[in-house]
Amino acid sequence: MKHIEFKSAEIFEKPTSKVYEYNLPDKDINWCLCDVNGRFPKQGWGLNEKCKEMVFVIKGKGKIVIEGKGETTFKKNDLVLVEPNVKFYWVAKCRFGIACTPAWYPEQHKEYLN
């Protein structure tokens, strides 16, 4: 069993988001809490090279835009699966819980302006 208290979560802040990263010593899966208020990333697209992100909408609503596939709206209690190597961005006012497999790490996350 592994346990991390909220006060031990690592916090990352950007202009339109705040992420609470729960750093488990596990390479297969990890989890974060994410507050989004606006567009994320602020410009362009995000892309995760390695991990799938299973996103549960705890509160609020918004949309995710996938390059070449269009947009999908979501609301509280919905689940969104973001596959690896897909360019996307969020426009939302919400709180997500995100499980990533394999575990997310900063070097595999890319942001593109085009």
C-alpha atoms as a PDB file:
ATOM      1  CA  MET A   1       0.000   0.000   0.000  1.00  0.00           C
ATOM      2  CA  LYS A   2       1.127   3.547  -0.753  1.00  0.00           C
ATOM      3  CA  HIS A   3      -0.280   6.720   0.756  1.00  0.00           C
ATOM      4  CA  ILE A   4       0.365  10.413   0.076  1.00  0.00           C
ATOM      5  CA  GLU A   5      -1.261  13.193   2.064  1.00  0.00           C
ATOM      6  CA  PHE A   6      -2.635  16.238   0.246  1.00  0.00           C
ATOM      7  CA  LYS A   7      -0.150  18.503   2.041  1.00  0.00           C
ATOM      8  CA  SER A   8       2.684  16.493   0.420  1.00  0.00           C
ATOM      9  CA  ALA A   9       1.436  16.996  -3.147  1.00  0.00           C
ATOM     10  CA  GLU A  10       3.774  18.962  -5.414  1.00  0.00           C
ATOM     11  CA  ILE A  11       2.057  22.052  -6.834  1.00  0.00           C
ATOM     12  CA  PHE A  12       2.563  23.366 -10.382  1.00  0.00           C
ATOM     13  CA  GLU A  13       0.883  26.630 -11.369  1.00  0.00           C
ATOM     14  CA  LYS A  14       0.381  28.126 -14.816  1.00  0.00           C
ATOM     15  CA  PRO A  15      -1.781  31.113 -15.831  1.00  0.00           C
ATOM     16  CA  THR A  16      -4.939  29.000 -16.324  1.00  0.00           C
ATOM     17  CA  SER A  17      -4.251  25.898 -14.245  1.00  0.00           C
ATOM     18  CA  LYS A  18      -3.051  24.589 -10.905  1.00  0.00           C
ATOM     19  CA  VAL A  19      -1.939  20.968 -10.601  1.00  0.00           C
ATOM     20  CA  TYR A  20      -1.457  19.000  -7.377  1.00  0.00           C
ATOM     21  CA  GLU A  21       0.866  16.120  -8.311  1.00  0.00           C
ATOM     22  CA  TYR A  22       0.770  13.104  -5.985  1.00  0.00           C
ATOM     23  CA  ASN A  23       4.199  11.587  -6.590  1.00  0.00           C
ATOM     24  CA  LEU A  24       3.850   7.892  -5.858  1.00  0.00           C
ATOM     25  CA  PRO A  25       7.031   5.824  -6.091  1.00  0.00           C
ATOM     26  CA  ASP A  26       5.420   3.824  -8.914  1.00  0.00           C
ATOM     27  CA  LYS A  27       6.337   3.908 -12.623  1.00  0.00           C
ATOM     28  CA  ASP A  28       3.115   2.197 -13.785  1.00  0.00           C
ATOM     29  CA  ILE A  29       0.523   4.752 -12.619  1.00  0.00           C
ATOM     30  CA  ASN A  30       0.170   8.121 -10.925  1.00  0.00           C
ATOM     31  CA  TRP A  31      -2.525  10.649 -10.115  1.00  0.00           C
ATOM     32  CA  CYS A  32      -3.036  14.396  -9.886  1.00  0.00           C
ATOM     33  CA  LEU A  33      -5.732  16.894  -9.064  1.00  0.00           C
ATOM     34  CA  CYS A  34      -6.036  19.699 -11.623  1.00  0.00           C
ATOM     35  CA  ASP A  35      -7.958  22.971 -11.531  1.00  0.00           C
ATOM     36  CA  VAL A  36      -8.472  24.551 -14.969  1.00  0.00           C
ATOM     37  CA  ASN A  37      -9.824  28.073 -15.398  1.00  0.00           C
ATOM     38  CA  GLY A  38      -9.713  28.985 -19.083  1.00  0.00           C
ATOM     39  CA  ARG A  39      -7.655  27.479 -21.888  1.00  0.00           C
ATOM     40  CA  PHE A  40      -4.882  24.979 -21.149  1.00  0.00           C
ATOM     41  CA  PRO A  41      -2.342  25.152 -22.542  1.00  0.00           C
ATOM     42  CA  LYS A  42      -2.798  28.913 -22.876  1.00  0.00           C
ATOM     43  CA  GLN A  43      -1.703  28.690 -26.555  1.00  0.00           C
ATOM     44  CA  GLY A  44      -1.250  25.852 -29.008  1.00  0.00           C
ATOM     45  CA  TRP A  45      -1.521  22.176 -28.103  1.00  0.00           C
ATOM     46  CA  GLY A  46      -0.435  19.785 -25.364  1.00  0.00           C
ATOM     47  CA  LEU A  47       0.741  16.246 -26.116  1.00  0.00           C
ATOM     48  CA  ASN A  48       1.803  13.366 -23.886  1.00  0.00           C
ATOM     49  CA  GLU A  49       4.282  11.078 -25.602  1.00  0.00           C
ATOM     50  CA  LYS A  50       3.949   8.074 -23.274  1.00  0.00           C
ATOM     51  CA  CYS A  51       0.911   8.074 -21.011  1.00  0.00           C
ATOM     52  CA  LYS A  52      -2.824   7.665 -21.301  1.00  0.00           C
ATOM     53  CA  GLU A  53      -4.687  10.156 -19.121  1.00  0.00           C
ATOM     54  CA  MET A  54      -7.972   9.048 -17.582  1.00  0.00           C
ATOM     55  CA  VAL A  55      -9.658  12.304 -16.566  1.00  0.00           C
ATOM     56  CA  PHE A  56     -12.605  12.359 -14.149  1.00  0.00           C
ATOM     57  CA  VAL A  57     -14.499  15.673 -13.941  1.00  0.00           C
ATOM     58  CA  ILE A  58     -15.025  16.346 -10.219  1.00  0.00           C
ATOM     59  CA  LYS A  59     -16.810  19.666 -10.738  1.00  0.00           C
ATOM     60  CA  GLY A  60     -17.489  22.182 -13.489  1.00  0.00           C
ATOM     61  CA  LYS A  61     -17.641  21.802 -17.244  1.00  0.00           C
ATOM     62  CA  GLY A  62     -15.799  22.545 -20.459  1.00  0.00           C
ATOM     63  CA  LYS A  63     -14.501  21.018 -23.645  1.00  0.00           C
ATOM     64  CA  ILE A  64     -11.449  19.227 -24.962  1.00  0.00           C
ATOM     65  CA  VAL A  65     -10.298  19.891 -28.506  1.00  0.00           C
ATOM     66  CA  ILE A  66      -8.355  17.115 -30.280  1.00  0.00           C
ATOM     67  CA  GLU A  67      -6.327  18.078 -33.354  1.00  0.00           C
ATOM     68  CA  GLY A  68      -8.004  16.739 -36.481  1.00  0.00           C
ATOM     69  CA  LYS A  69     -10.947  15.230 -34.552  1.00  0.00           C
ATOM     70  CA  GLY A  70     -12.886  18.254 -33.255  1.00  0.00           C
ATOM     71  CA  GLU A  71     -14.166  18.965 -29.780  1.00  0.00           C
ATOM     72  CA  THR A  72     -16.026  17.115 -27.055  1.00  0.00           C
ATOM     73  CA  THR A  73     -17.898  18.834 -24.234  1.00  0.00           C
ATOM     74  CA  PHE A  74     -17.947  17.437 -20.699  1.00  0.00           C
ATOM     75  CA  LYS A  75     -19.442  18.180 -17.301  1.00  0.00           C
ATOM     76  CA  LYS A  76     -19.306  17.030 -13.681  1.00  0.00           C
ATOM     77  CA  ASN A  77     -19.007  13.225 -13.262  1.00  0.00           C
ATOM     78  CA  ASP A  78     -17.967  12.631 -16.893  1.00  0.00           C
ATOM     79  CA  LEU A  79     -14.864  10.627 -17.815  1.00  0.00           C
ATOM     80  CA  VAL A  80     -12.464  11.562 -20.636  1.00  0.00           C
ATOM     81  CA  LEU A  81      -9.648   9.330 -21.909  1.00  0.00           C
ATOM     82  CA  VAL A  82      -6.759  11.127 -23.636  1.00  0.00           C
ATOM     83  CA  GLU A  83      -4.533   8.779 -25.640  1.00  0.00           C
ATOM     84  CA  PRO A  84      -0.766   9.289 -25.969  1.00  0.00           C
ATOM     85  CA  ASN A  85       0.659  11.183 -28.967  1.00  0.00           C
ATOM     86  CA  VAL A  86      -2.550  13.177 -29.515  1.00  0.00           C
ATOM     87  CA  LYS A  87      -2.437  16.979 -29.654  1.00  0.00           C
ATOM     88  CA  PHE A  88      -5.146  18.526 -27.469  1.00  0.00           C
ATOM     89  CA  TYR A  89      -6.173  21.509 -25.373  1.00  0.00           C
ATOM     90  CA  TRP A  90      -8.825  22.134 -22.725  1.00  0.00           C
ATOM     91  CA  VAL A  91     -11.191  25.093 -22.391  1.00  0.00           C
ATOM     92  CA  ALA A  92     -12.860  24.709 -19.032  1.00  0.00           C
ATOM     93  CA  LYS A  93     -13.739  25.933 -15.588  1.00  0.00           C
ATOM     94  CA  CYS A  94     -13.482  22.727 -13.644  1.00  0.00           C
ATOM     95  CA  ARG A  95     -11.593  20.374 -11.358  1.00  0.00           C
ATOM     96  CA  PHE A  96     -10.230  17.079 -12.698  1.00  0.00           C
ATOM     97  CA  GLY A  97      -8.808  13.991 -11.078  1.00  0.00           C
ATOM     98  CA  ILE A  98      -6.329  12.470 -13.546  1.00  0.00           C
ATOM     99  CA  ALA A  99      -4.837   8.964 -13.463  1.00  0.00           C
ATOM    100  CA  CYS A 100      -1.939   8.395 -15.869  1.00  0.00           C
ATOM    101  CA  THR A 101      -0.497   5.119 -17.057  1.00  0.00           C
ATOM    102  CA  PRO A 102       2.405   4.695 -17.272  1.00  0.00           C
ATOM    103  CA  ALA A 103       3.121   7.353 -14.670  1.00  0.00           C
ATOM    104  CA  TRP A 104       3.263  10.906 -16.072  1.00  0.00           C
ATOM    105  CA  TYR A 105       6.584  12.749 -15.939  1.00  0.00           C
ATOM    106  CA  PRO A 106       7.384  16.265 -17.200  1.00  0.00           C
ATOM    107  CA  GLU A 107       9.874  15.275 -19.916  1.00  0.00           C
ATOM    108  CA  GLN A 108       7.262  13.309 -21.886  1.00  0.00           C
ATOM    109  CA  HIS A 109       4.782  16.227 -21.940  1.00  0.00           C
ATOM    110  CA  LYS A 110       5.193  18.584 -24.906  1.00  0.00           C
ATOM    111  CA  GLU A 111       3.503  21.853 -25.853  1.00  0.00           C
ATOM    112  CA  TYR A 112       3.242  22.995 -29.486  1.00  0.00           C
ATOM    113  CA  LEU A 113       2.325  26.487 -30.702  1.00  0.00           C
ATOM    114  CA  ASN A 114       0.995  25.203 -34.045  1.00  0.00           C
END
